[in-house]
Amino acid sequence: MARVSVEDVRDVLCIGEVDIPDGKIAKMIKRAEVAIELELGKEIDYADCTEAEKEAITVLAAIYAICYLTGGSAVGLNFSIGDKNVNVLKDAPPLNVLQSELERILFHLKQPYVGRA
């Protein structure tokens, strides 16, 4: 079984602890877990889930993190210091790519199981 970690979410976006504190990302992971549970209609534990569930939770938490970074940052994402320009999300995948990935994962997770019990 797999576990969603704070570092998994950071890796998707190529960000560090300075950009979003651990506690914030942990809350995003929990919110993503609940959203995926509601979408799939089954209980999921982000600390003990399948690889596919881990991916869905991680990608959704990364989407939440992008929303936090673009709308919840007091100093903003893009800023200049002298002739230096800084963009926290410069290496992050576009939001629509993450959204498409989440939809693809959810589609496959929702497929009914056909087999023998």
Protein backbone atom coordinates (compact mmCIF):
# COMPACT_ATOMS: atom_id res chain seq x y z
CA MET A 1 0.00 0.00 0.00
CA ALA A 2 1.04 3.59 -0.57
CA ARG A 3 1.14 6.77 1.52
CA VAL A 4 0.68 10.37 0.36
CA SER A 5 3.35 12.62 1.85
CA VAL A 6 3.90 16.35 1.94
CA GLU A 7 6.98 15.78 -0.22
CA ASP A 8 4.89 14.00 -2.87
CA VAL A 9 2.82 17.16 -3.31
CA ARG A 10 5.89 19.38 -3.35
CA ASP A 11 7.53 17.15 -5.96
CA VAL A 12 4.59 17.60 -8.34
CA LEU A 13 5.02 21.37 -8.21
CA CYS A 14 8.80 21.57 -7.75
CA ILE A 15 8.43 23.75 -4.66
CA GLY A 16 10.09 23.73 -1.27
CA GLU A 17 9.11 24.05 2.37
CA VAL A 18 9.70 27.79 2.17
CA ASP A 19 6.86 28.11 -0.36
CA ILE A 20 4.15 26.28 1.64
CA PRO A 21 4.59 25.03 5.22
CA ASP A 22 4.17 21.32 5.99
CA GLY A 23 1.02 21.92 8.03
CA LYS A 24 -0.75 23.66 5.14
CA ILE A 25 0.09 20.88 2.69
CA ALA A 26 -0.99 18.23 5.23
CA LYS A 27 -4.41 19.95 5.41
CA MET A 28 -4.58 20.02 1.61
CA ILE A 29 -3.84 16.29 1.51
CA LYS A 30 -6.66 15.61 4.00
CA ARG A 31 -9.08 17.79 2.01
CA ALA A 32 -8.08 15.98 -1.17
CA GLU A 33 -8.61 12.62 0.55
CA VAL A 34 -12.16 13.60 1.54
CA ALA A 35 -12.94 14.94 -1.94
CA ILE A 36 -11.72 11.73 -3.60
CA GLU A 37 -13.71 9.66 -1.08
CA LEU A 38 -16.87 11.56 -1.99
CA GLU A 39 -16.15 11.25 -5.70
CA LEU A 40 -15.56 7.49 -5.50
CA GLY A 41 -18.14 6.75 -2.79
CA LYS A 42 -15.71 4.78 -0.64
CA GLU A 43 -13.41 5.25 2.34
CA ILE A 44 -9.77 6.06 1.57
CA ASP A 45 -6.88 6.57 3.96
CA TYR A 46 -4.14 8.75 2.48
CA ALA A 47 -1.67 7.00 4.80
CA ASP A 48 -2.61 3.54 3.50
CA CYS A 49 -4.08 3.56 0.00
CA THR A 50 -3.54 2.11 -3.46
CA GLU A 51 -1.05 3.68 -5.86
CA ALA A 52 -3.89 5.03 -8.01
CA GLU A 53 -5.63 6.58 -4.97
CA LYS A 54 -2.29 8.07 -3.91
CA GLU A 55 -1.90 9.69 -7.32
CA ALA A 56 -5.41 11.13 -7.25
CA ILE A 57 -4.96 12.57 -3.76
CA THR A 58 -1.49 13.92 -4.60
CA VAL A 59 -2.63 15.61 -7.81
CA LEU A 60 -5.70 17.15 -6.17
CA ALA A 61 -3.60 18.39 -3.23
CA ALA A 62 -1.17 19.90 -5.77
CA ILE A 63 -4.09 21.72 -7.41
CA TYR A 64 -5.06 23.06 -3.97
CA ALA A 65 -1.44 24.13 -3.46
CA ILE A 66 -1.43 26.05 -6.75
CA CYS A 67 -4.61 27.82 -5.67
CA TYR A 68 -2.99 28.66 -2.34
CA LEU A 69 0.17 29.95 -4.01
CA THR A 70 -1.61 32.06 -6.58
CA GLY A 71 -4.29 33.50 -4.34
CA GLY A 72 -3.18 33.13 -0.76
CA SER A 73 0.34 34.45 -0.75
CA ALA A 74 0.87 37.80 0.92
CA VAL A 75 3.96 38.57 -1.15
CA GLY A 76 2.74 37.04 -4.39
CA LEU A 77 4.40 34.52 -6.66
CA ASN A 78 6.14 36.81 -9.08
CA PHE A 79 8.32 39.53 -7.71
CA SER A 80 11.53 41.35 -8.51
CA ILE A 81 14.57 42.14 -6.46
CA GLY A 82 16.76 44.47 -8.46
CA ASP A 83 17.28 42.78 -11.82
CA LYS A 84 16.30 39.33 -10.49
CA ASN A 85 12.83 37.93 -11.22
CA VAL A 86 11.42 35.14 -9.10
CA ASN A 87 8.49 32.89 -9.97
CA VAL A 88 7.74 30.12 -7.47
CA LEU A 89 5.68 28.11 -9.97
CA LYS A 90 8.06 28.42 -12.93
CA ASP A 91 8.76 24.65 -12.88
CA ALA A 92 5.24 23.54 -11.95
CA PRO A 93 3.05 21.85 -14.55
CA PRO A 94 0.15 23.95 -15.87
CA LEU A 95 -3.05 23.69 -13.86
CA ASN A 96 -4.99 22.26 -16.80
CA VAL A 97 -2.46 19.42 -17.09
CA LEU A 98 -2.96 18.53 -13.42
CA GLN A 99 -6.72 18.78 -13.81
CA SER A 100 -6.68 16.45 -16.84
CA GLU A 101 -4.47 14.00 -14.97
CA LEU A 102 -6.87 13.97 -12.02
CA GLU A 103 -9.87 13.39 -14.29
CA ARG A 104 -8.05 10.50 -16.01
CA ILE A 105 -7.14 8.87 -12.69
CA LEU A 106 -10.67 9.25 -11.33
CA PHE A 107 -12.15 7.77 -14.50
CA HIS A 108 -10.05 4.64 -14.06
CA LEU A 109 -10.72 4.44 -10.32
CA LYS A 110 -14.47 4.56 -11.00
CA GLN A 111 -14.40 1.64 -13.44
CA PRO A 112 -16.45 -1.20 -12.03
CA TYR A 113 -14.60 -4.35 -11.09
CA VAL A 114 -15.70 -7.32 -13.15
CA GLY A 115 -14.44 -10.59 -11.83
CA ARG A 116 -15.02 -13.40 -9.42
CA ALA A 117 -15.21 -12.93 -5.70
